[in-house]
C-alpha atoms as a PDB file:
ATOM      1  CA  UNK A   1      92.683 196.615  40.364  1.00  0.00           C
ATOM      2  CA  UNK A   2      93.573 193.002  41.058  1.00  0.00           C
ATOM      3  CA  UNK A   3      97.053 191.941  40.054  1.00  0.00           C
ATOM      4  CA  UNK A   4      97.267 190.051  36.790  1.00  0.00           C
ATOM      5  CA  UNK A   5      98.114 186.365  36.906  1.00  0.00           C
ATOM      6  CA  UNK A   6     101.562 185.299  35.809  1.00  0.00           C
ATOM      7  CA  UNK A   7     101.883 183.088  32.739  1.00  0.00           C
ATOM      8  CA  UNK A   8      98.875 180.780  32.356  1.00  0.00           C
ATOM      9  CA  UNK A   9      98.468 180.147  36.066  1.00  0.00           C
ATOM     10  CA  UNK A  10      95.933 182.398  37.789  1.00  0.00           C
ATOM     11  CA  UNK A  11      97.316 183.872  40.949  1.00  0.00           C
ATOM     12  CA  UNK A  12      95.341 183.143  44.120  1.00  0.00           C
ATOM     13  CA  UNK A  13      93.903 186.353  45.538  1.00  0.00           C
ATOM     14  CA  UNK A  14      93.093 187.061  49.185  1.00  0.00           C
ATOM     15  CA  UNK A  15      89.653 185.594  49.804  1.00  0.00           C
ATOM     16  CA  UNK A  16      87.009 187.868  51.223  1.00  0.00           C
ATOM     17  CA  UNK A  17      83.768 186.481  52.551  1.00  0.00           C
ATOM     18  CA  UNK A  18      82.096 184.568  49.737  1.00  0.00           C
ATOM     19  CA  UNK A  19      79.299 186.340  47.907  1.00  0.00           C
ATOM     20  CA  UNK A  20      75.933 184.652  47.534  1.00  0.00           C
ATOM     21  CA  UNK A  21      76.245 182.068  44.788  1.00  0.00           C
ATOM     22  CA  UNK A  22      73.668 180.049  42.870  1.00  0.00           C
ATOM     23  CA  UNK A  23      74.347 176.494  41.746  1.00  0.00           C
ATOM     24  CA  UNK A  24      72.984 173.121  40.697  1.00  0.00           C
ATOM     25  CA  UNK A  25      73.587 170.353  43.226  1.00  0.00           C
ATOM     26  CA  UNK A  26      73.134 166.753  42.030  1.00  0.00           C
ATOM     27  CA  UNK A  27      72.466 163.973  44.520  1.00  0.00           C
ATOM     28  CA  UNK A  28      75.282 162.092  42.750  1.00  0.00           C
ATOM     29  CA  UNK A  29      77.862 163.422  40.297  1.00  0.00           C
ATOM     30  CA  UNK A  30      78.412 159.900  38.902  1.00  0.00           C
ATOM     31  CA  UNK A  31      74.937 158.421  38.355  1.00  0.00           C
ATOM     32  CA  UNK A  32      74.197 155.155  36.586  1.00  0.00           C
ATOM     33  CA  UNK A  33      72.908 155.063  33.031  1.00  0.00           C
ATOM     34  CA  UNK A  34      69.118 155.421  33.086  1.00  0.00           C
ATOM     35  CA  UNK A  35      69.046 156.415  36.779  1.00  0.00           C
ATOM     36  CA  UNK A  36      66.605 159.102  37.925  1.00  0.00           C
ATOM     37  CA  UNK A  37      68.914 161.755  39.383  1.00  0.00           C
ATOM     38  CA  UNK A  38      67.693 164.474  41.763  1.00  0.00           C
ATOM     39  CA  UNK A  39      69.033 167.963  41.038  1.00  0.00           C
ATOM     40  CA  UNK A  40      68.550 170.673  43.665  1.00  0.00           C
ATOM     41  CA  UNK A  41      68.752 174.417  42.999  1.00  0.00           C
ATOM     42  CA  UNK A  42      70.817 176.112  45.717  1.00  0.00           C
ATOM     43  CA  UNK A  43      71.751 179.629  46.748  1.00  0.00           C
ATOM     44  CA  UNK A  44      73.929 180.935  49.571  1.00  0.00           C
ATOM     45  CA  UNK A  45      77.492 180.918  50.851  1.00  0.00           C
ATOM     46  CA  UNK A  46      79.822 177.940  50.894  1.00  0.00           C
ATOM     47  CA  UNK A  47      83.326 177.552  52.261  1.00  0.00           C
ATOM     48  CA  UNK A  48      85.046 176.811  55.536  1.00  0.00           C
ATOM     49  CA  UNK A  49      83.917 180.102  57.066  1.00  0.00           C
ATOM     50  CA  UNK A  50      80.290 179.978  55.915  1.00  0.00           C
ATOM     51  CA  UNK A  51      78.854 176.730  54.655  1.00  0.00           C
ATOM     52  CA  UNK A  52      75.300 178.045  54.568  1.00  0.00           C
ATOM     53  CA  UNK A  53      73.113 177.146  51.626  1.00  0.00           C
ATOM     54  CA  UNK A  54      69.371 177.305  51.075  1.00  0.00           C
ATOM     55  CA  UNK A  55      66.916 176.048  48.499  1.00  0.00           C
ATOM     56  CA  UNK A  56      66.405 178.559  45.692  1.00  0.00           C
ATOM     57  CA  UNK A  57      62.788 179.501  45.136  1.00  0.00           C
ATOM     58  CA  UNK A  58      62.007 177.735  41.857  1.00  0.00           C
ATOM     59  CA  UNK A  59      58.875 178.647  39.934  1.00  0.00           C
ATOM     60  CA  UNK A  60      58.060 178.676  36.249  1.00  0.00           C
ATOM     61  CA  UNK A  61      58.482 182.423  35.763  1.00  0.00           C
ATOM     62  CA  UNK A  62      62.135 182.079  36.749  1.00  0.00           C
ATOM     63  CA  UNK A  63      63.005 179.294  34.300  1.00  0.00           C
ATOM     64  CA  UNK A  64      64.321 180.238  30.861  1.00  0.00           C
ATOM     65  CA  UNK A  65      65.839 176.830  30.046  1.00  0.00           C
ATOM     66  CA  UNK A  66      67.097 173.551  31.506  1.00  0.00           C
ATOM     67  CA  UNK A  67      68.949 171.261  29.104  1.00  0.00           C
ATOM     68  CA  UNK A  68      71.132 168.159  29.287  1.00  0.00           C
ATOM     69  CA  UNK A  69      74.136 168.278  26.932  1.00  0.00           C
ATOM     70  CA  UNK A  70      75.602 164.836  26.223  1.00  0.00           C
ATOM     71  CA  UNK A  71      77.988 163.187  23.782  1.00  0.00           C
ATOM     72  CA  UNK A  72      75.069 162.492  21.416  1.00  0.00           C
ATOM     73  CA  UNK A  73      73.259 165.828  21.546  1.00  0.00           C
ATOM     74  CA  UNK A  74      70.978 168.026  23.639  1.00  0.00           C
ATOM     75  CA  UNK A  75      67.861 166.949  25.563  1.00  0.00           C
ATOM     76  CA  UNK A  76      65.386 169.506  26.893  1.00  0.00           C
ATOM     77  CA  UNK A  77      64.657 169.004  30.615  1.00  0.00           C
ATOM     78  CA  UNK A  78      61.601 171.222  31.192  1.00  0.00           C
ATOM     79  CA  UNK A  79      59.542 168.105  31.956  1.00  0.00           C
ATOM     80  CA  UNK A  80      62.114 167.143  34.591  1.00  0.00           C
ATOM     81  CA  UNK A  81      61.318 170.182  36.764  1.00  0.00           C
ATOM     82  CA  UNK A  82      59.440 169.576  40.021  1.00  0.00           C
ATOM     83  CA  UNK A  83      57.957 172.693  41.629  1.00  0.00           C
ATOM     84  CA  UNK A  84      56.390 172.715  45.083  1.00  0.00           C
ATOM     85  CA  UNK A  85      53.109 174.487  45.726  1.00  0.00           C
ATOM     86  CA  UNK A  86      54.846 177.286  47.639  1.00  0.00           C
ATOM     87  CA  UNK A  87      57.722 177.544  45.141  1.00  0.00           C
ATOM     88  CA  UNK A  88      60.325 177.322  47.920  1.00  0.00           C
ATOM     89  CA  UNK A  89      62.093 174.038  47.188  1.00  0.00           C
ATOM     90  CA  UNK A  90      61.877 173.188  43.519  1.00  0.00           C
ATOM     91  CA  UNK A  91      64.069 170.493  41.993  1.00  0.00           C
ATOM     92  CA  UNK A  92      64.518 168.466  38.833  1.00  0.00           C
ATOM     93  CA  UNK A  93      64.830 164.747  38.139  1.00  0.00           C
ATOM     94  CA  UNK A  94      67.003 164.090  35.084  1.00  0.00           C
ATOM     95  CA  UNK A  95      68.055 160.865  33.386  1.00  0.00           C
ATOM     96  CA  UNK A  96      71.144 160.362  31.233  1.00  0.00           C
ATOM     97  CA  UNK A  97      70.278 157.948  28.401  1.00  0.00           C
ATOM     98  CA  UNK A  98      73.763 156.559  27.833  1.00  0.00           C
ATOM     99  CA  UNK A  99      77.327 156.467  29.062  1.00  0.00           C
ATOM    100  CA  UNK A 100      79.540 159.522  28.800  1.00  0.00           C
ATOM    101  CA  UNK A 101      80.142 162.908  30.395  1.00  0.00           C
ATOM    102  CA  UNK A 102      77.166 165.248  30.523  1.00  0.00           C
ATOM    103  CA  UNK A 103      76.555 168.939  31.250  1.00  0.00           C
ATOM    104  CA  UNK A 104      73.254 170.017  32.756  1.00  0.00           C
ATOM    105  CA  UNK A 105      72.761 173.712  31.978  1.00  0.00           C
ATOM    106  CA  UNK A 106      70.239 176.086  33.557  1.00  0.00           C
ATOM    107  CA  UNK A 107      69.297 179.648  32.559  1.00  0.00           C
ATOM    108  CA  UNK A 108      67.038 181.976  34.536  1.00  0.00           C
ATOM    109  CA  UNK A 109      64.838 184.796  33.332  1.00  0.00           C
ATOM    110  CA  UNK A 110      65.953 188.333  34.297  1.00  0.00           C
ATOM    111  CA  UNK A 111      65.163 190.100  37.552  1.00  0.00           C
ATOM    112  CA  UNK A 112      65.863 193.641  38.791  1.00  0.00           C
ATOM    113  CA  UNK A 113      67.861 194.638  41.875  1.00  0.00           C
ATOM    114  CA  UNK A 114      68.332 198.165  43.286  1.00  0.00           C
ATOM    115  CA  UNK A 115      70.874 198.945  46.029  1.00  0.00           C
ATOM    116  CA  UNK A 116      71.751 202.218  47.723  1.00  0.00           C
ATOM    117  CA  UNK A 117      75.086 203.737  46.693  1.00  0.00           C
ATOM    118  CA  UNK A 118      77.442 202.483  49.428  1.00  0.00           C
ATOM    119  CA  UNK A 119      76.125 198.950  49.347  1.00  0.00           C
ATOM    120  CA  UNK A 120      76.191 198.841  45.546  1.00  0.00           C
ATOM    121  CA  UNK A 121      79.776 200.140  45.424  1.00  0.00           C
ATOM    122  CA  UNK A 122      80.914 197.535  47.971  1.00  0.00           C
ATOM    123  CA  UNK A 123      79.223 194.798  45.956  1.00  0.00           C
ATOM    124  CA  UNK A 124      80.951 195.971  42.763  1.00  0.00           C
ATOM    125  CA  UNK A 125      84.330 196.012  44.488  1.00  0.00           C
ATOM    126  CA  UNK A 126      83.925 192.545  46.013  1.00  0.00           C
ATOM    127  CA  UNK A 127      82.646 190.948  42.809  1.00  0.00           C
ATOM    128  CA  UNK A 128      85.299 192.637  40.661  1.00  0.00           C
ATOM    129  CA  UNK A 129      82.751 194.271  38.347  1.00  0.00           C
ATOM    130  CA  UNK A 130      85.273 196.735  36.963  1.00  0.00           C
ATOM    131  CA  UNK A 131      83.287 197.643  33.840  1.00  0.00           C
ATOM    132  CA  UNK A 132      80.377 198.887  35.952  1.00  0.00           C
ATOM    133  CA  UNK A 133      82.682 200.644  38.419  1.00  0.00           C
ATOM    134  CA  UNK A 134      84.487 202.450  35.595  1.00  0.00           C
ATOM    135  CA  UNK A 135      81.189 203.551  34.062  1.00  0.00           C
ATOM    136  CA  UNK A 136      79.902 204.939  37.366  1.00  0.00           C
ATOM    137  CA  UNK A 137      83.150 206.829  37.956  1.00  0.00           C
ATOM    138  CA  UNK A 138      83.240 208.242  34.413  1.00  0.00           C
ATOM    139  CA  UNK A 139      79.633 209.395  34.598  1.00  0.00           C
ATOM    140  CA  UNK A 140      79.910 210.791  38.138  1.00  0.00           C
ATOM    141  CA  UNK A 141      77.335 208.393  39.548  1.00  0.00           C
ATOM    142  CA  UNK A 142      79.281 206.705  42.352  1.00  0.00           C
ATOM    143  CA  UNK A 143      77.060 208.478  44.876  1.00  0.00           C
ATOM    144  CA  UNK A 144      73.851 207.268  43.250  1.00  0.00           C
ATOM    145  CA  UNK A 145      71.993 204.047  43.978  1.00  0.00           C
ATOM    146  CA  UNK A 146      72.688 201.255  41.505  1.00  0.00           C
ATOM    147  CA  UNK A 147      70.149 199.230  39.577  1.00  0.00           C
ATOM    148  CA  UNK A 148      70.899 196.077  37.632  1.00  0.00           C
ATOM    149  CA  UNK A 149      69.025 193.606  35.517  1.00  0.00           C
ATOM    150  CA  UNK A 150      70.505 190.243  36.446  1.00  0.00           C
ATOM    151  CA  UNK A 151      70.246 186.644  35.288  1.00  0.00           C
ATOM    152  CA  UNK A 152      71.661 183.347  36.527  1.00  0.00           C
ATOM    153  CA  UNK A 153      73.519 180.741  34.491  1.00  0.00           C
ATOM    154  CA  UNK A 154      74.532 177.444  36.074  1.00  0.00           C
ATOM    155  CA  UNK A 155      76.068 174.162  34.930  1.00  0.00           C
ATOM    156  CA  UNK A 156      76.904 170.868  36.594  1.00  0.00           C
ATOM    157  CA  UNK A 157      79.025 168.085  35.122  1.00  0.00           C
ATOM    158  CA  UNK A 158      77.967 164.441  35.473  1.00  0.00           C
ATOM    159  CA  UNK A 159      79.934 161.281  34.670  1.00  0.00           C
ATOM    160  CA  UNK A 160      77.756 158.345  33.612  1.00  0.00           C
ATOM    161  CA  UNK A 161      79.589 155.016  33.428  1.00  0.00           C
ATOM    162  CA  UNK A 162      83.256 154.634  32.549  1.00  0.00           C
ATOM    163  CA  UNK A 163      83.269 156.369  29.161  1.00  0.00           C
ATOM    164  CA  UNK A 164      84.692 159.902  29.505  1.00  0.00           C
ATOM    165  CA  UNK A 165      83.811 162.248  26.648  1.00  0.00           C
ATOM    166  CA  UNK A 166      85.214 165.641  25.652  1.00  0.00           C
ATOM    167  CA  UNK A 167      81.935 167.391  24.892  1.00  0.00           C
ATOM    168  CA  UNK A 168      82.169 168.994  28.358  1.00  0.00           C
ATOM    169  CA  UNK A 169      85.173 171.011  27.140  1.00  0.00           C
ATOM    170  CA  UNK A 170      82.984 172.865  24.632  1.00  0.00           C
ATOM    171  CA  UNK A 171      80.770 175.852  25.511  1.00  0.00           C
ATOM    172  CA  UNK A 172      77.000 175.441  25.503  1.00  0.00           C
ATOM    173  CA  UNK A 173      76.376 179.073  24.596  1.00  0.00           C
ATOM    174  CA  UNK A 174      75.621 180.739  27.919  1.00  0.00           C
ATOM    175  CA  UNK A 175      76.137 184.524  28.148  1.00  0.00           C
ATOM    176  CA  UNK A 176      78.720 184.050  30.893  1.00  0.00           C
ATOM    177  CA  UNK A 177      80.129 180.553  31.008  1.00  0.00           C
ATOM    178  CA  UNK A 178      82.796 178.520  32.792  1.00  0.00           C
ATOM    179  CA  UNK A 179      84.291 175.876  30.492  1.00  0.00           C
ATOM    180  CA  UNK A 180      86.890 173.329  31.650  1.00  0.00           C
ATOM    181  CA  UNK A 181      89.485 172.768  28.934  1.00  0.00           C
ATOM    182  CA  UNK A 182      89.940 169.162  30.106  1.00  0.00           C
ATOM    183  CA  UNK A 183      87.368 166.667  31.303  1.00  0.00           C
ATOM    184  CA  UNK A 184      87.501 167.056  35.123  1.00  0.00           C
ATOM    185  CA  UNK A 185      86.824 163.346  35.557  1.00  0.00           C
ATOM    186  CA  UNK A 186      90.068 162.533  33.708  1.00  0.00           C
ATOM    187  CA  UNK A 187      92.271 164.498  36.101  1.00  0.00           C
ATOM    188  CA  UNK A 188      94.844 162.831  38.340  1.00  0.00           C
ATOM    189  CA  UNK A 189      96.388 163.665  41.694  1.00  0.00           C
ATOM    190  CA  UNK A 190      98.618 166.749  41.547  1.00  0.00           C
ATOM    191  CA  UNK A 191      97.349 167.962  38.167  1.00  0.00           C
ATOM    192  CA  UNK A 192      96.026 171.422  37.326  1.00  0.00           C
ATOM    193  CA  UNK A 193      92.631 172.029  35.691  1.00  0.00           C
ATOM    194  CA  UNK A 194      92.452 175.057  33.359  1.00  0.00           C
ATOM    195  CA  UNK A 195      89.077 176.824  33.289  1.00  0.00           C
ATOM    196  CA  UNK A 196      88.072 179.176  30.469  1.00  0.00           C
ATOM    197  CA  UNK A 197      85.616 181.987  31.240  1.00  0.00           C
ATOM    198  CA  UNK A 198      83.608 183.252  28.274  1.00  0.00           C
ATOM    199  CA  UNK A 199      81.561 186.457  28.093  1.00  0.00           C
ATOM    200  CA  UNK A 200      79.269 186.561  25.064  1.00  0.00           C
ATOM    201  CA  UNK A 201      81.387 183.829  23.517  1.00  0.00           C
ATOM    202  CA  UNK A 202      84.729 185.609  23.956  1.00  0.00           C
ATOM    203  CA  UNK A 203      87.434 185.052  26.619  1.00  0.00           C
ATOM    204  CA  UNK A 204      86.925 187.344  29.610  1.00  0.00           C
ATOM    205  CA  UNK A 205      90.051 188.828  31.187  1.00  0.00           C
ATOM    206  CA  UNK A 206      90.223 190.312  34.677  1.00  0.00           C
ATOM    207  CA  UNK A 207      87.173 188.602  36.182  1.00  0.00           C
ATOM    208  CA  UNK A 208      87.147 187.350  39.781  1.00  0.00           C
ATOM    209  CA  UNK A 209      86.773 183.556  39.801  1.00  0.00           C
ATOM    210  CA  UNK A 210      85.852 181.840  43.081  1.00  0.00           C
ATOM    211  CA  UNK A 211      86.457 178.190  43.970  1.00  0.00           C
ATOM    212  CA  UNK A 212      84.768 176.629  47.009  1.00  0.00           C
ATOM    213  CA  UNK A 213      84.194 173.137  48.379  1.00  0.00           C
ATOM    214  CA  UNK A 214      80.459 172.501  48.668  1.00  0.00           C
ATOM    215  CA  UNK A 215      80.933 170.657  51.961  1.00  0.00           C
ATOM    216  CA  UNK A 216      82.776 173.613  53.515  1.00  0.00           C
ATOM    217  CA  UNK A 217      85.942 171.548  54.013  1.00  0.00           C
ATOM    218  CA  UNK A 218      88.243 174.321  52.765  1.00  0.00           C
ATOM    219  CA  UNK A 219      88.227 178.088  52.516  1.00  0.00           C
ATOM    220  CA  UNK A 220      87.042 179.790  49.372  1.00  0.00           C
ATOM    221  CA  UNK A 221      89.858 180.799  47.028  1.00  0.00           C
ATOM    222  CA  UNK A 222      89.568 183.712  44.611  1.00  0.00           C
ATOM    223  CA  UNK A 223      91.481 183.953  41.338  1.00  0.00           C
ATOM    224  CA  UNK A 224      91.617 186.407  38.448  1.00  0.00           C
ATOM    225  CA  UNK A 225      91.237 185.309  34.841  1.00  0.00           C
ATOM    226  CA  UNK A 226      94.295 186.040  32.719  1.00  0.00           C
ATOM    227  CA  UNK A 227      94.450 187.819  29.357  1.00  0.00           C
ATOM    228  CA  UNK A 228      93.086 184.681  27.674  1.00  0.00           C
ATOM    229  CA  UNK A 229      90.165 184.362  30.086  1.00  0.00           C
ATOM    230  CA  UNK A 230      91.759 181.380  31.848  1.00  0.00           C
ATOM    231  CA  UNK A 231      92.358 180.377  35.454  1.00  0.00           C
ATOM    232  CA  UNK A 232      94.179 177.216  36.487  1.00  0.00           C
ATOM    233  CA  UNK A 233      92.691 175.382  39.460  1.00  0.00           C
ATOM    234  CA  UNK A 234      94.521 172.729  41.517  1.00  0.00           C
ATOM    235  CA  UNK A 235      92.877 169.315  41.243  1.00  0.00           C
ATOM    236  CA  UNK A 236      90.673 168.684  44.287  1.00  0.00           C
ATOM    237  CA  UNK A 237      90.263 164.894  44.678  1.00  0.00           C
ATOM    238  CA  UNK A 238      87.034 163.758  46.279  1.00  0.00           C
ATOM    239  CA  UNK A 239      85.600 167.237  46.863  1.00  0.00           C
ATOM    240  CA  UNK A 240      82.413 168.496  45.256  1.00  0.00           C
ATOM    241  CA  UNK A 241      83.475 171.914  44.008  1.00  0.00           C
ATOM    242  CA  UNK A 242      81.606 175.123  43.219  1.00  0.00           C
ATOM    243  CA  UNK A 243      83.199 177.519  40.744  1.00  0.00           C
ATOM    244  CA  UNK A 244      81.562 180.929  40.327  1.00  0.00           C
ATOM    245  CA  UNK A 245      82.092 184.146  38.374  1.00  0.00           C
ATOM    246  CA  UNK A 246      80.067 187.340  37.951  1.00  0.00           C
ATOM    247  CA  UNK A 247      80.254 189.966  35.229  1.00  0.00           C
ATOM    248  CA  UNK A 248      78.244 193.060  34.401  1.00  0.00           C
ATOM    249  CA  UNK A 249      78.144 195.910  31.888  1.00  0.00           C
ATOM    250  CA  UNK A 250      76.162 199.116  31.328  1.00  0.00           C
ATOM    251  CA  UNK A 251      72.685 198.582  29.868  1.00  0.00           C
ATOM    252  CA  UNK A 252      71.943 201.825  27.982  1.00  0.00           C
ATOM    253  CA  UNK A 253      69.091 200.299  25.960  1.00  0.00           C
ATOM    254  CA  UNK A 254      67.086 198.853  28.839  1.00  0.00           C
ATOM    255  CA  UNK A 255      64.750 201.099  30.809  1.00  0.00           C
ATOM    256  CA  UNK A 256      64.448 198.642  33.691  1.00  0.00           C
ATOM    257  CA  UNK A 257      67.981 199.119  35.064  1.00  0.00           C
ATOM    258  CA  UNK A 258      71.298 200.891  34.516  1.00  0.00           C
ATOM    259  CA  UNK A 259      73.380 197.710  34.297  1.00  0.00           C
ATOM    260  CA  UNK A 260      73.135 194.113  33.126  1.00  0.00           C
ATOM    261  CA  UNK A 261      74.793 191.393  35.245  1.00  0.00           C
ATOM    262  CA  UNK A 262      75.200 187.639  34.848  1.00  0.00           C
ATOM    263  CA  UNK A 263      75.942 185.231  37.712  1.00  0.00           C
ATOM    264  CA  UNK A 264      77.516 182.018  36.442  1.00  0.00           C
ATOM    265  CA  UNK A 265      78.513 178.815  38.227  1.00  0.00           C
ATOM    266  CA  UNK A 266      79.826 175.319  37.611  1.00  0.00           C
ATOM    267  CA  UNK A 267      79.673 172.365  40.000  1.00  0.00           C
ATOM    268  CA  UNK A 268      81.615 169.124  39.657  1.00  0.00           C
ATOM    269  CA  UNK A 269      83.029 166.368  41.835  1.00  0.00           C
ATOM    270  CA  UNK A 270      86.169 164.895  40.245  1.00  0.00           C
ATOM    271  CA  UNK A 271      86.725 161.173  40.787  1.00  0.00           C
END
């Protein structure tokens, strides 16, 4: 078990090699009002020791939703999706209609993964999926291959104009979600940014939370959410950051897999 964080600050844990993450990567985190903004869908490893990212294969069967959450409401972005003929380098072109802070949220449809026992156990240990590990140990299945039904949830935060709005501090209803409790664009040098991790709408304690610079300028740091589901991240001026968390549980009612897992991420570049 990872050591619990002291007080409200999440303790930095030794960083292993970063697991494959999925994220939304805007061409600009501070676009102009009415500007057509390119959003790329990325997967891979980021950090000083890796820095390898690839385009995520985007095709319609993978897309559950893409929505832009602004200070004045929610705008569906299905029409913004651009899919190549081979489905290897899809993207989206979104436009914020007014000034304010926006969240672009993506949800994928489920897929199934099956790994042999040793590889699955290593993955569970690295990702901190303690609920699945405990279930396998209690049921005597640690020597069996592991199957999971998994989905991806991703958000990116955009600042349009000078008006900073607090809607980004509210959840958008994703199954596993990273929610900053302050607007990241309002942070100053030397400040700390608390991040709340929600699982099915409730604070999630004991989850591994990874923070990486998208340009690979610093090593990935791993934290653990405290009893209130919170980690506190040092302000990173000028760096586009990727925050990622994974959580999974047994799936006794689904015949497709033994477990259900959600991969969640948040990208932002504070001013």
